């Protein structure tokens, strides 16, 4: 499928798909005329990339993690450490966001009491 078709199916902009390619997250085939073409497997890959971005990972981290999904041999202790660091960072972010939400809840409660 072409880049526009992939964008339509996944809900990801053409610009984002090109960015994924620049970052090494997505590798299209090229037609004889140089147009990008994608296999149906790209749909699932885009979904995974989106999940990882939504989880707060940067493109560099995602590029490092993607190979381990299809290649168990690349699942090294270093990769596990990296994943654990990312998880700890997310846990810290969640704790901060929870504190902010609690502060807002307190403010809302105090405004309702007046």
PDB file of N, CA and C in Angstrom:
ATOM      1  N   UNK A   1       0.834  -1.172   0.000  1.00  0.00           N
ATOM      2  CA  UNK A   1       0.000   0.000   0.000  1.00  0.00           C
ATOM      3  C   UNK A   1       0.882   1.240   0.000  1.00  0.00           C
ATOM      4  N   UNK A   2       0.349   2.334  -0.491  1.00  0.00           N
ATOM      5  CA  UNK A   2       1.086   3.587  -0.558  1.00  0.00           C
ATOM      6  C   UNK A   2       0.980   4.337   0.769  1.00  0.00           C
ATOM      7  N   UNK A   3       1.804   5.370   0.912  1.00  0.00           N
ATOM      8  CA  UNK A   3       1.884   6.100   2.168  1.00  0.00           C
ATOM      9  C   UNK A   3       0.545   6.734   2.546  1.00  0.00           C
ATOM     10  N   UNK A   4      -0.180   7.270   1.578  1.00  0.00           N
ATOM     11  CA  UNK A   4      -1.485   7.875   1.866  1.00  0.00           C
ATOM     12  C   UNK A   4      -2.489   6.851   2.365  1.00  0.00           C
ATOM     13  N   UNK A   5      -2.429   5.649   1.788  1.00  0.00           N
ATOM     14  CA  UNK A   5      -3.321   4.571   2.222  1.00  0.00           C
ATOM     15  C   UNK A   5      -2.991   4.149   3.648  1.00  0.00           C
ATOM     16  N   UNK A   6      -1.693   4.029   3.944  1.00  0.00           N
ATOM     17  CA  UNK A   6      -1.272   3.657   5.293  1.00  0.00           C
ATOM     18  C   UNK A   6      -1.694   4.720   6.299  1.00  0.00           C
ATOM     19  N   UNK A   7      -1.566   5.966   5.916  1.00  0.00           N
ATOM     20  CA  UNK A   7      -1.986   7.063   6.793  1.00  0.00           C
ATOM     21  C   UNK A   7      -3.483   6.970   7.073  1.00  0.00           C
ATOM     22  N   UNK A   8      -4.262   6.714   6.045  1.00  0.00           N
ATOM     23  CA  UNK A   8      -5.714   6.632   6.204  1.00  0.00           C
ATOM     24  C   UNK A   8      -6.116   5.460   7.099  1.00  0.00           C
ATOM     25  N   UNK A   9      -5.478   4.323   6.903  1.00  0.00           N
ATOM     26  CA  UNK A   9      -5.820   3.122   7.674  1.00  0.00           C
ATOM     27  C   UNK A   9      -5.431   3.262   9.145  1.00  0.00           C
ATOM     28  N   UNK A  10      -4.294   3.879   9.400  1.00  0.00           N
ATOM     29  CA  UNK A  10      -3.784   3.964  10.769  1.00  0.00           C
ATOM     30  C   UNK A  10      -4.198   5.233  11.509  1.00  0.00           C
ATOM     31  N   UNK A  11      -4.641   6.240  10.764  1.00  0.00           N
ATOM     32  CA  UNK A  11      -4.978   7.505  11.394  1.00  0.00           C
ATOM     33  C   UNK A  11      -3.755   8.347  11.741  1.00  0.00           C
ATOM     34  N   UNK A  12      -2.616   7.981  11.188  1.00  0.00           N
ATOM     35  CA  UNK A  12      -1.360   8.694  11.414  1.00  0.00           C
ATOM     36  C   UNK A  12      -1.083   9.534  10.165  1.00  0.00           C
ATOM     37  N   UNK A  13      -0.650  10.757  10.353  1.00  0.00           N
ATOM     38  CA  UNK A  13      -0.438  11.632   9.205  1.00  0.00           C
ATOM     39  C   UNK A  13       0.715  11.142   8.317  1.00  0.00           C
ATOM     40  N   UNK A  14       0.662  11.523   7.065  1.00  0.00           N
ATOM     41  CA  UNK A  14       1.743  11.217   6.130  1.00  0.00           C
ATOM     42  C   UNK A  14       3.048  11.804   6.654  1.00  0.00           C
ATOM     43  N   UNK A  15       2.975  13.004   7.188  1.00  0.00           N
ATOM     44  CA  UNK A  15       4.170  13.642   7.752  1.00  0.00           C
ATOM     45  C   UNK A  15       4.779  12.794   8.867  1.00  0.00           C
ATOM     46  N   UNK A  16       3.932  12.245   9.746  1.00  0.00           N
ATOM     47  CA  UNK A  16       4.434  11.386  10.828  1.00  0.00           C
ATOM     48  C   UNK A  16       5.069  10.118  10.273  1.00  0.00           C
ATOM     49  N   UNK A  17       4.460   9.544   9.259  1.00  0.00           N
ATOM     50  CA  UNK A  17       5.026   8.333   8.657  1.00  0.00           C
ATOM     51  C   UNK A  17       6.403   8.619   8.069  1.00  0.00           C
ATOM     52  N   UNK A  18       6.551   9.765   7.441  1.00  0.00           N
ATOM     53  CA  UNK A  18       7.862  10.146   6.906  1.00  0.00           C
ATOM     54  C   UNK A  18       8.866  10.357   8.043  1.00  0.00           C
ATOM     55  N   UNK A  19       8.403  10.941   9.139  1.00  0.00           N
ATOM     56  CA  UNK A  19       9.265  11.116  10.313  1.00  0.00           C
ATOM     57  C   UNK A  19       9.700   9.753  10.852  1.00  0.00           C
ATOM     58  N   UNK A  20       8.765   8.813  10.938  1.00  0.00           N
ATOM     59  CA  UNK A  20       9.115   7.470  11.415  1.00  0.00           C
ATOM     60  C   UNK A  20      10.196   6.857  10.535  1.00  0.00           C
ATOM     61  N   UNK A  21      10.072   7.077   9.243  1.00  0.00           N
ATOM     62  CA  UNK A  21      11.081   6.568   8.313  1.00  0.00           C
ATOM     63  C   UNK A  21      12.429   7.242   8.573  1.00  0.00           C
ATOM     64  N   UNK A  22      12.442   8.560   8.737  1.00  0.00           N
ATOM     65  CA  UNK A  22      13.690   9.298   9.003  1.00  0.00           C
ATOM     66  C   UNK A  22      14.371   8.801  10.279  1.00  0.00           C
ATOM     67  N   UNK A  23      13.561   8.417  11.262  1.00  0.00           N
ATOM     68  CA  UNK A  23      14.088   7.976  12.549  1.00  0.00           C
ATOM     69  C   UNK A  23      14.453   6.484  12.558  1.00  0.00           C
ATOM     70  N   UNK A  24      14.208   5.803  11.456  1.00  0.00           N
ATOM     71  CA  UNK A  24      14.534   4.381  11.372  1.00  0.00           C
ATOM     72  C   UNK A  24      13.514   3.472  12.028  1.00  0.00           C
ATOM     73  N   UNK A  25      12.319   3.990  12.263  1.00  0.00           N
ATOM     74  CA  UNK A  25      11.276   3.195  12.904  1.00  0.00           C
ATOM     75  C   UNK A  25      10.448   2.409  11.894  1.00  0.00           C
ATOM     76  N   UNK A  26      10.435   2.866  10.669  1.00  0.00           N
ATOM     77  CA  UNK A  26       9.606   2.288   9.622  1.00  0.00           C
ATOM     78  C   UNK A  26      10.416   2.289   8.335  1.00  0.00           C
ATOM     79  N   UNK A  27      10.454   1.144   7.667  1.00  0.00           N
ATOM     80  CA  UNK A  27      11.234   1.046   6.439  1.00  0.00           C
ATOM     81  C   UNK A  27      10.343   0.582   5.296  1.00  0.00           C
ATOM     82  N   UNK A  28       9.976   1.507   4.415  1.00  0.00           N
ATOM     83  CA  UNK A  28       9.143   1.106   3.285  1.00  0.00           C
ATOM     84  C   UNK A  28       9.976   0.485   2.169  1.00  0.00           C
ATOM     85  N   UNK A  29       9.304  -0.233   1.326  1.00  0.00           N
ATOM     86  CA  UNK A  29       9.910  -0.656   0.072  1.00  0.00           C
ATOM     87  C   UNK A  29       9.755   0.520  -0.882  1.00  0.00           C
ATOM     88  N   UNK A  30      10.469   0.482  -1.983  1.00  0.00           N
ATOM     89  CA  UNK A  30      10.324   1.524  -3.006  1.00  0.00           C
ATOM     90  C   UNK A  30       9.931   0.870  -4.318  1.00  0.00           C
ATOM     91  N   UNK A  31       8.958   1.481  -4.974  1.00  0.00           N
ATOM     92  CA  UNK A  31       8.552   0.993  -6.287  1.00  0.00           C
ATOM     93  C   UNK A  31       9.615   1.396  -7.298  1.00  0.00           C
ATOM     94  N   UNK A  32       9.484   0.910  -8.520  1.00  0.00           N
ATOM     95  CA  UNK A  32      10.457   1.254  -9.560  1.00  0.00           C
ATOM     96  C   UNK A  32      10.473   2.755  -9.839  1.00  0.00           C
ATOM     97  N   UNK A  33       9.366   3.434  -9.539  1.00  0.00           N
ATOM     98  CA  UNK A  33       9.308   4.883  -9.727  1.00  0.00           C
ATOM     99  C   UNK A  33       9.722   5.651  -8.470  1.00  0.00           C
ATOM    100  N   UNK A  34      10.141   4.919  -7.421  1.00  0.00           N
ATOM    101  CA  UNK A  34      10.617   5.558  -6.199  1.00  0.00           C
ATOM    102  C   UNK A  34       9.553   5.830  -5.154  1.00  0.00           C
ATOM    103  N   UNK A  35       8.310   5.434  -5.413  1.00  0.00           N
ATOM    104  CA  UNK A  35       7.248   5.662  -4.431  1.00  0.00           C
ATOM    105  C   UNK A  35       7.357   4.665  -3.284  1.00  0.00           C
ATOM    106  N   UNK A  36       7.030   5.140  -2.073  1.00  0.00           N
ATOM    107  CA  UNK A  36       7.035   4.278  -0.902  1.00  0.00           C
ATOM    108  C   UNK A  36       5.866   3.301  -0.992  1.00  0.00           C
ATOM    109  N   UNK A  37       6.138   2.045  -0.662  1.00  0.00           N
ATOM    110  CA  UNK A  37       5.074   1.056  -0.536  1.00  0.00           C
ATOM    111  C   UNK A  37       5.284   0.302   0.769  1.00  0.00           C
ATOM    112  N   UNK A  38       4.183  -0.058   1.398  1.00  0.00           N
ATOM    113  CA  UNK A  38       4.228  -0.696   2.707  1.00  0.00           C
ATOM    114  C   UNK A  38       3.472  -2.012   2.673  1.00  0.00           C
ATOM    115  N   UNK A  39       3.946  -2.970   3.424  1.00  0.00           N
ATOM    116  CA  UNK A  39       3.253  -4.249   3.550  1.00  0.00           C
ATOM    117  C   UNK A  39       2.121  -4.084   4.568  1.00  0.00           C
ATOM    118  N   UNK A  40       1.174  -4.997   4.564  1.00  0.00           N
ATOM    119  CA  UNK A  40       0.096  -4.940   5.566  1.00  0.00           C
ATOM    120  C   UNK A  40       0.624  -4.995   7.011  1.00  0.00           C
ATOM    121  N   UNK A  41       1.808  -5.583   7.220  1.00  0.00           N
ATOM    122  CA  UNK A  41       2.395  -5.653   8.561  1.00  0.00           C
ATOM    123  C   UNK A  41       2.704  -4.269   9.127  1.00  0.00           C
ATOM    124  N   UNK A  42       2.846  -3.285   8.258  1.00  0.00           N
ATOM    125  CA  UNK A  42       3.165  -1.926   8.700  1.00  0.00           C
ATOM    126  C   UNK A  42       2.043  -1.356   9.564  1.00  0.00           C
ATOM    127  N   UNK A  43       0.827  -1.794   9.359  1.00  0.00           N
ATOM    128  CA  UNK A  43      -0.303  -1.294  10.141  1.00  0.00           C
ATOM    129  C   UNK A  43      -0.096  -1.615  11.621  1.00  0.00           C
ATOM    130  N   UNK A  44       0.252  -2.863  11.904  1.00  0.00           N
ATOM    131  CA  UNK A  44       0.485  -3.274  13.295  1.00  0.00           C
ATOM    132  C   UNK A  44       1.711  -2.558  13.865  1.00  0.00           C
ATOM    133  N   UNK A  45       2.743  -2.409  13.082  1.00  0.00           N
ATOM    134  CA  UNK A  45       3.951  -1.721  13.536  1.00  0.00           C
ATOM    135  C   UNK A  45       3.647  -0.271  13.892  1.00  0.00           C
ATOM    136  N   UNK A  46       2.855   0.400  13.069  1.00  0.00           N
ATOM    137  CA  UNK A  46       2.476   1.787  13.353  1.00  0.00           C
ATOM    138  C   UNK A  46       1.716   1.854  14.674  1.00  0.00           C
ATOM    139  N   UNK A  47       0.835   0.900  14.906  1.00  0.00           N
ATOM    140  CA  UNK A  47       0.096   0.858  16.176  1.00  0.00           C
ATOM    141  C   UNK A  47       1.036   0.742  17.366  1.00  0.00           C
ATOM    142  N   UNK A  48       2.035  -0.109  17.237  1.00  0.00           N
ATOM    143  CA  UNK A  48       3.008  -0.281  18.321  1.00  0.00           C
ATOM    144  C   UNK A  48       3.822   0.993  18.526  1.00  0.00           C
ATOM    145  N   UNK A  49       4.269   1.591  17.439  1.00  0.00           N
ATOM    146  CA  UNK A  49       5.032   2.842  17.540  1.00  0.00           C
ATOM    147  C   UNK A  49       4.198   3.905  18.240  1.00  0.00           C
ATOM    148  N   UNK A  50       2.936   4.007  17.877  1.00  0.00           N
ATOM    149  CA  UNK A  50       2.046   4.988  18.510  1.00  0.00           C
ATOM    150  C   UNK A  50       1.895   4.706  20.007  1.00  0.00           C
ATOM    151  N   UNK A  51       1.761   3.444  20.376  1.00  0.00           N
ATOM    152  CA  UNK A  51       1.649   3.091  21.800  1.00  0.00           C
ATOM    153  C   UNK A  51       2.898   3.511  22.556  1.00  0.00           C
ATOM    154  N   UNK A  52       4.053   3.273  21.963  1.00  0.00           N
ATOM    155  CA  UNK A  52       5.307   3.625  22.635  1.00  0.00           C
ATOM    156  C   UNK A  52       5.465   5.143  22.751  1.00  0.00           C
ATOM    157  N   UNK A  53       5.092   5.877  21.709  1.00  0.00           N
ATOM    158  CA  UNK A  53       5.107   7.345  21.812  1.00  0.00           C
ATOM    159  C   UNK A  53       4.140   7.801  22.898  1.00  0.00           C
ATOM    160  N   UNK A  54       2.945   7.227  22.915  1.00  0.00           N
ATOM    161  CA  UNK A  54       1.951   7.615  23.918  1.00  0.00           C
ATOM    162  C   UNK A  54       2.399   7.282  25.336  1.00  0.00           C
ATOM    163  N   UNK A  55       3.260   6.280  25.461  1.00  0.00           N
ATOM    164  CA  UNK A  55       3.801   5.918  26.767  1.00  0.00           C
ATOM    165  C   UNK A  55       4.922   6.852  27.196  1.00  0.00           C
ATOM    166  N   UNK A  56       5.291   7.779  26.308  1.00  0.00           N
ATOM    167  CA  UNK A  56       6.288   8.769  26.663  1.00  0.00           C
ATOM    168  C   UNK A  56       7.691   8.474  26.181  1.00  0.00           C
ATOM    169  N   UNK A  57       7.864   7.437  25.370  1.00  0.00           N
ATOM    170  CA  UNK A  57       9.196   7.144  24.858  1.00  0.00           C
ATOM    171  C   UNK A  57       9.514   8.050  23.679  1.00  0.00           C
ATOM    172  N   UNK A  58      10.767   8.397  23.533  1.00  0.00           N
ATOM    173  CA  UNK A  58      11.198   9.213  22.398  1.00  0.00           C
ATOM    174  C   UNK A  58      11.529   8.294  21.222  1.00  0.00           C
ATOM    175  N   UNK A  59      11.688   8.885  20.053  1.00  0.00           N
ATOM    176  CA  UNK A  59      11.935   8.083  18.848  1.00  0.00           C
ATOM    177  C   UNK A  59      13.247   7.307  18.959  1.00  0.00           C
ATOM    178  N   UNK A  60      14.258   7.876  19.605  1.00  0.00           N
ATOM    179  CA  UNK A  60      15.527   7.175  19.762  1.00  0.00           C
ATOM    180  C   UNK A  60      15.338   5.906  20.595  1.00  0.00           C
ATOM    181  N   UNK A  61      14.603   6.018  21.680  1.00  0.00           N
ATOM    182  CA  UNK A  61      14.349   4.845  22.533  1.00  0.00           C
ATOM    183  C   UNK A  61      13.536   3.801  21.773  1.00  0.00           C
ATOM    184  N   UNK A  62      12.547   4.260  21.029  1.00  0.00           N
ATOM    185  CA  UNK A  62      11.721   3.326  20.264  1.00  0.00           C
ATOM    186  C   UNK A  62      12.568   2.597  19.232  1.00  0.00           C
ATOM    187  N   UNK A  63      13.446   3.320  18.559  1.00  0.00           N
ATOM    188  CA  UNK A  63      14.318   2.695  17.556  1.00  0.00           C
ATOM    189  C   UNK A  63      15.200   1.623  18.192  1.00  0.00           C
ATOM    190  N   UNK A  64      15.622   1.843  19.421  1.00  0.00           N
ATOM    191  CA  UNK A  64      16.452   0.855  20.114  1.00  0.00           C
ATOM    192  C   UNK A  64      15.643  -0.356  20.542  1.00  0.00           C
ATOM    193  N   UNK A  65      14.361  -0.159  20.831  1.00  0.00           N
ATOM    194  CA  UNK A  65      13.531  -1.240  21.359  1.00  0.00           C
ATOM    195  C   UNK A  65      12.847  -2.075  20.276  1.00  0.00           C
ATOM    196  N   UNK A  66      12.555  -1.489  19.147  1.00  0.00           N
ATOM    197  CA  UNK A  66      11.805  -2.209  18.110  1.00  0.00           C
ATOM    198  C   UNK A  66      12.447  -3.515  17.657  1.00  0.00           C
ATOM    199  N   UNK A  67      13.767  -3.580  17.481  1.00  0.00           N
ATOM    200  CA  UNK A  67      14.346  -4.846  17.013  1.00  0.00           C
ATOM    201  C   UNK A  67      14.081  -6.038  17.929  1.00  0.00           C
ATOM    202  N   UNK A  68      13.947  -5.797  19.225  1.00  0.00           N
ATOM    203  CA  UNK A  68      13.766  -6.914  20.151  1.00  0.00           C
ATOM    204  C   UNK A  68      12.392  -7.550  20.040  1.00  0.00           C
ATOM    205  N   UNK A  69      11.470  -6.888  19.387  1.00  0.00           N
ATOM    206  CA  UNK A  69      10.122  -7.426  19.275  1.00  0.00           C
ATOM    207  C   UNK A  69      10.099  -8.661  18.388  1.00  0.00           C
ATOM    208  N   UNK A  70      10.813  -8.616  17.263  1.00  0.00           N
ATOM    209  CA  UNK A  70      10.826  -9.737  16.331  1.00  0.00           C
ATOM    210  C   UNK A  70      12.072 -10.595  16.426  1.00  0.00           C
ATOM    211  N   UNK A  71      13.066 -10.156  17.204  1.00  0.00           N
ATOM    212  CA  UNK A  71      14.324 -10.888  17.287  1.00  0.00           C
ATOM    213  C   UNK A  71      14.692 -11.144  18.745  1.00  0.00           C
ATOM    214  N   UNK A  72      14.276 -12.303  19.275  1.00  0.00           N
ATOM    215  CA  UNK A  72      14.580 -12.609  20.675  1.00  0.00           C
ATOM    216  C   UNK A  72      16.077 -12.564  21.004  1.00  0.00           C
ATOM    217  N   UNK A  73      16.934 -12.786  20.025  1.00  0.00           N
ATOM    218  CA  UNK A  73      18.377 -12.755  20.278  1.00  0.00           C
ATOM    219  C   UNK A  73      18.848 -11.363  20.673  1.00  0.00           C
ATOM    220  N   UNK A  74      18.076 -10.333  20.323  1.00  0.00           N
ATOM    221  CA  UNK A  74      18.490  -8.972  20.658  1.00  0.00           C
ATOM    222  C   UNK A  74      18.017  -8.540  22.043  1.00  0.00           C
ATOM    223  N   UNK A  75      17.373  -9.423  22.756  1.00  0.00           N
ATOM    224  CA  UNK A  75      16.868  -9.107  24.102  1.00  0.00           C
ATOM    225  C   UNK A  75      17.980  -9.326  25.124  1.00  0.00           C
ATOM    226  N   UNK A  76      18.788  -8.323  25.248  1.00  0.00           N
ATOM    227  CA  UNK A  76      19.982  -8.393  26.084  1.00  0.00           C
ATOM    228  C   UNK A  76      19.719  -7.832  27.479  1.00  0.00           C
ATOM    229  N   UNK A  77      20.629  -8.107  28.423  1.00  0.00           N
ATOM    230  CA  UNK A  77      20.499  -7.483  29.747  1.00  0.00           C
ATOM    231  C   UNK A  77      20.502  -5.955  29.667  1.00  0.00           C
ATOM    232  N   UNK A  78      21.243  -5.404  28.724  1.00  0.00           N
ATOM    233  CA  UNK A  78      21.266  -3.953  28.565  1.00  0.00           C
ATOM    234  C   UNK A  78      19.893  -3.427  28.136  1.00  0.00           C
ATOM    235  N   UNK A  79      19.253  -4.165  27.239  1.00  0.00           N
ATOM    236  CA  UNK A  79      17.921  -3.778  26.796  1.00  0.00           C
ATOM    237  C   UNK A  79      16.945  -3.835  27.966  1.00  0.00           C
ATOM    238  N   UNK A  80      17.044  -4.874  28.767  1.00  0.00           N
ATOM    239  CA  UNK A  80      16.171  -4.995  29.946  1.00  0.00           C
ATOM    240  C   UNK A  80      16.395  -3.814  30.880  1.00  0.00           C
ATOM    241  N   UNK A  81      17.637  -3.438  31.091  1.00  0.00           N
ATOM    242  CA  UNK A  81      17.938  -2.283  31.939  1.00  0.00           C
ATOM    243  C   UNK A  81      17.328  -1.011  31.371  1.00  0.00           C
ATOM    244  N   UNK A  82      17.418  -0.862  30.070  1.00  0.00           N
ATOM    245  CA  UNK A  82      16.841   0.315  29.418  1.00  0.00           C
ATOM    246  C   UNK A  82      15.331   0.360  29.629  1.00  0.00           C
ATOM    247  N   UNK A  83      14.675  -0.784  29.457  1.00  0.00           N
ATOM    248  CA  UNK A  83      13.234  -0.856  29.657  1.00  0.00           C
ATOM    249  C   UNK A  83      12.862  -0.531  31.101  1.00  0.00           C
ATOM    250  N   UNK A  84      13.635  -1.035  32.030  1.00  0.00           N
ATOM    251  CA  UNK A  84      13.373  -0.753  33.444  1.00  0.00           C
ATOM    252  C   UNK A  84      13.546   0.732  33.755  1.00  0.00           C
ATOM    253  N   UNK A  85      14.546   1.370  33.146  1.00  0.00           N
ATOM    254  CA  UNK A  85      14.729   2.819  33.346  1.00  0.00           C
ATOM    255  C   UNK A  85      13.548   3.602  32.779  1.00  0.00           C
ATOM    256  N   UNK A  86      13.085   3.197  31.613  1.00  0.00           N
ATOM    257  CA  UNK A  86      11.928   3.866  31.007  1.00  0.00           C
ATOM    258  C   UNK A  86      10.694   3.689  31.892  1.00  0.00           C
ATOM    259  N   UNK A  87      10.541   2.488  32.428  1.00  0.00           N
ATOM    260  CA  UNK A  87       9.397   2.226  33.307  1.00  0.00           C
ATOM    261  C   UNK A  87       9.478   3.076  34.562  1.00  0.00           C
ATOM    262  N   UNK A  88      10.645   3.201  35.140  1.00  0.00           N
ATOM    263  CA  UNK A  88      10.831   4.019  36.341  1.00  0.00           C
ATOM    264  C   UNK A  88      10.544   5.492  36.037  1.00  0.00           C
ATOM    265  N   UNK A  89      10.987   5.963  34.886  1.00  0.00           N
ATOM    266  CA  UNK A  89      10.715   7.342  34.491  1.00  0.00           C
ATOM    267  C   UNK A  89       9.216   7.573  34.375  1.00  0.00           C
ATOM    268  N   UNK A  90       8.510   6.611  33.762  1.00  0.00           N
ATOM    269  CA  UNK A  90       7.062   6.740  33.632  1.00  0.00           C
ATOM    270  C   UNK A  90       6.383   6.724  34.999  1.00  0.00           C
ATOM    271  N   UNK A  91       6.854   5.864  35.888  1.00  0.00           N
ATOM    272  CA  UNK A  91       6.280   5.805  37.239  1.00  0.00           C
ATOM    273  C   UNK A  91       6.462   7.130  37.959  1.00  0.00           C
ATOM    274  N   UNK A  92       7.615   7.738  37.791  1.00  0.00           N
ATOM    275  CA  UNK A  92       7.871   9.040  38.396  1.00  0.00           C
ATOM    276  C   UNK A  92       6.934  10.097  37.811  1.00  0.00           C
ATOM    277  N   UNK A  93       6.760  10.075  36.498  1.00  0.00           N
ATOM    278  CA  UNK A  93       5.849  11.026  35.854  1.00  0.00           C
ATOM    279  C   UNK A  93       4.420  10.834  36.344  1.00  0.00           C
ATOM    280  N   UNK A  94       4.005   9.596  36.500  1.00  0.00           N
ATOM    281  CA  UNK A  94       2.649   9.306  36.981  1.00  0.00           C
ATOM    282  C   UNK A  94       2.464   9.850  38.392  1.00  0.00           C
ATOM    283  N   UNK A  95       3.453   9.677  39.237  1.00  0.00           N
ATOM    284  CA  UNK A  95       3.370  10.184  40.612  1.00  0.00           C
ATOM    285  C   UNK A  95       3.227  11.705  40.619  1.00  0.00           C
ATOM    286  N   UNK A  96       3.994  12.388  39.784  1.00  0.00           N
ATOM    287  CA  UNK A  96       3.900  13.853  39.707  1.00  0.00           C
ATOM    288  C   UNK A  96       2.532  14.291  39.200  1.00  0.00           C
ATOM    289  N   UNK A  97       2.033  13.615  38.193  1.00  0.00           N
ATOM    290  CA  UNK A  97       0.718  13.957  37.645  1.00  0.00           C
ATOM    291  C   UNK A  97      -0.369  13.712  38.692  1.00  0.00           C
ATOM    292  N   UNK A  98      -0.248  12.642  39.460  1.00  0.00           N
ATOM    293  CA  UNK A  98      -1.225  12.356  40.512  1.00  0.00           C
ATOM    294  C   UNK A  98      -1.232  13.459  41.563  1.00  0.00           C
ATOM    295  N   UNK A  99      -0.059  13.963  41.926  1.00  0.00           N
ATOM    296  CA  UNK A  99       0.016  15.072  42.881  1.00  0.00           C
ATOM    297  C   UNK A  99      -0.676  16.313  42.313  1.00  0.00           C
ATOM    298  N   UNK A 100      -0.442  16.593  41.045  1.00  0.00           N
ATOM    299  CA  UNK A 100      -1.092  17.738  40.407  1.00  0.00           C
ATOM    300  C   UNK A 100      -2.614  17.575  40.392  1.00  0.00           C
ATOM    301  N   UNK A 101      -3.076  16.373  40.092  1.00  0.00           N
ATOM    302  CA  UNK A 101      -4.517  16.118  40.073  1.00  0.00           C
ATOM    303  C   UNK A 101      -5.108  16.300  41.463  1.00  0.00           C
ATOM    304  N   UNK A 102      -4.409  15.811  42.485  1.00  0.00           N
ATOM    305  CA  UNK A 102      -4.894  15.964  43.859  1.00  0.00           C
ATOM    306  C   UNK A 102      -4.972  17.443  44.244  1.00  0.00           C
ATOM    307  N   UNK A 103      -3.998  18.212  43.813  1.00  0.00           N
ATOM    308  CA  UNK A 103      -4.035  19.654  44.094  1.00  0.00           C
ATOM    309  C   UNK A 103      -5.249  20.299  43.438  1.00  0.00           C
ATOM    310  N   UNK A 104      -5.523  19.913  42.198  1.00  0.00           N
ATOM    311  CA  UNK A 104      -6.706  20.437  41.522  1.00  0.00           C
ATOM    312  C   UNK A 104      -7.993  19.990  42.210  1.00  0.00           C
ATOM    313  N   UNK A 105      -8.034  18.738  42.639  1.00  0.00           N
ATOM    314  CA  UNK A 105      -9.213  18.242  43.366  1.00  0.00           C
ATOM    315  C   UNK A 105      -9.447  19.069  44.626  1.00  0.00           C
ATOM    316  N   UNK A 106      -8.384  19.378  45.354  1.00  0.00           N
ATOM    317  CA  UNK A 106      -8.505  20.186  46.566  1.00  0.00           C
ATOM    318  C   UNK A 106      -9.010  21.585  46.241  1.00  0.00           C
ATOM    319  N   UNK A 107      -8.487  22.160  45.173  1.00  0.00           N
ATOM    320  CA  UNK A 107      -8.934  23.486  44.765  1.00  0.00           C
ATOM    321  C   UNK A 107     -10.407  23.466  44.374  1.00  0.00           C
ATOM    322  N   UNK A 108     -10.800  22.472  43.612  1.00  0.00           N
ATOM    323  CA  UNK A 108     -12.197  22.341  43.206  1.00  0.00           C
ATOM    324  C   UNK A 108     -13.098  22.195  44.425  1.00  0.00           C
ATOM    325  N   UNK A 109     -12.687  21.367  45.370  1.00  0.00           N
ATOM    326  CA  UNK A 109     -13.468  21.174  46.595  1.00  0.00           C
ATOM    327  C   UNK A 109     -13.615  22.466  47.377  1.00  0.00           C
ATOM    328  N   UNK A 110     -12.527  23.231  47.466  1.00  0.00           N
ATOM    329  CA  UNK A 110     -12.590  24.476  48.216  1.00  0.00           C
ATOM    330  C   UNK A 110     -13.494  25.491  47.515  1.00  0.00           C
ATOM    331  N   UNK A 111     -13.536  25.473  46.210  1.00  0.00           N
ATOM    332  CA  UNK A 111     -14.424  26.387  45.479  1.00  0.00           C
ATOM    333  C   UNK A 111     -15.889  25.977  45.625  1.00  0.00           C
ATOM    334  N   UNK A 112     -16.137  24.696  45.710  1.00  0.00           N
ATOM    335  CA  UNK A 112     -17.507  24.202  45.861  1.00  0.00           C
ATOM    336  C   UNK A 112     -18.050  24.492  47.256  1.00  0.00           C
ATOM    337  N   UNK A 113     -17.161  24.569  48.244  1.00  0.00           N
ATOM    338  CA  UNK A 113     -17.566  24.804  49.623  1.00  0.00           C
ATOM    339  C   UNK A 113     -17.987  26.255  49.861  1.00  0.00           C
ATOM    340  N   UNK A 114     -17.628  27.119  48.952  1.00  0.00           N
ATOM    341  CA  UNK A 114     -17.937  28.555  49.141  1.00  0.00           C
ATOM    342  C   UNK A 114     -19.319  28.901  48.687  1.00  0.00           C
TER     343      UNK A 114
END
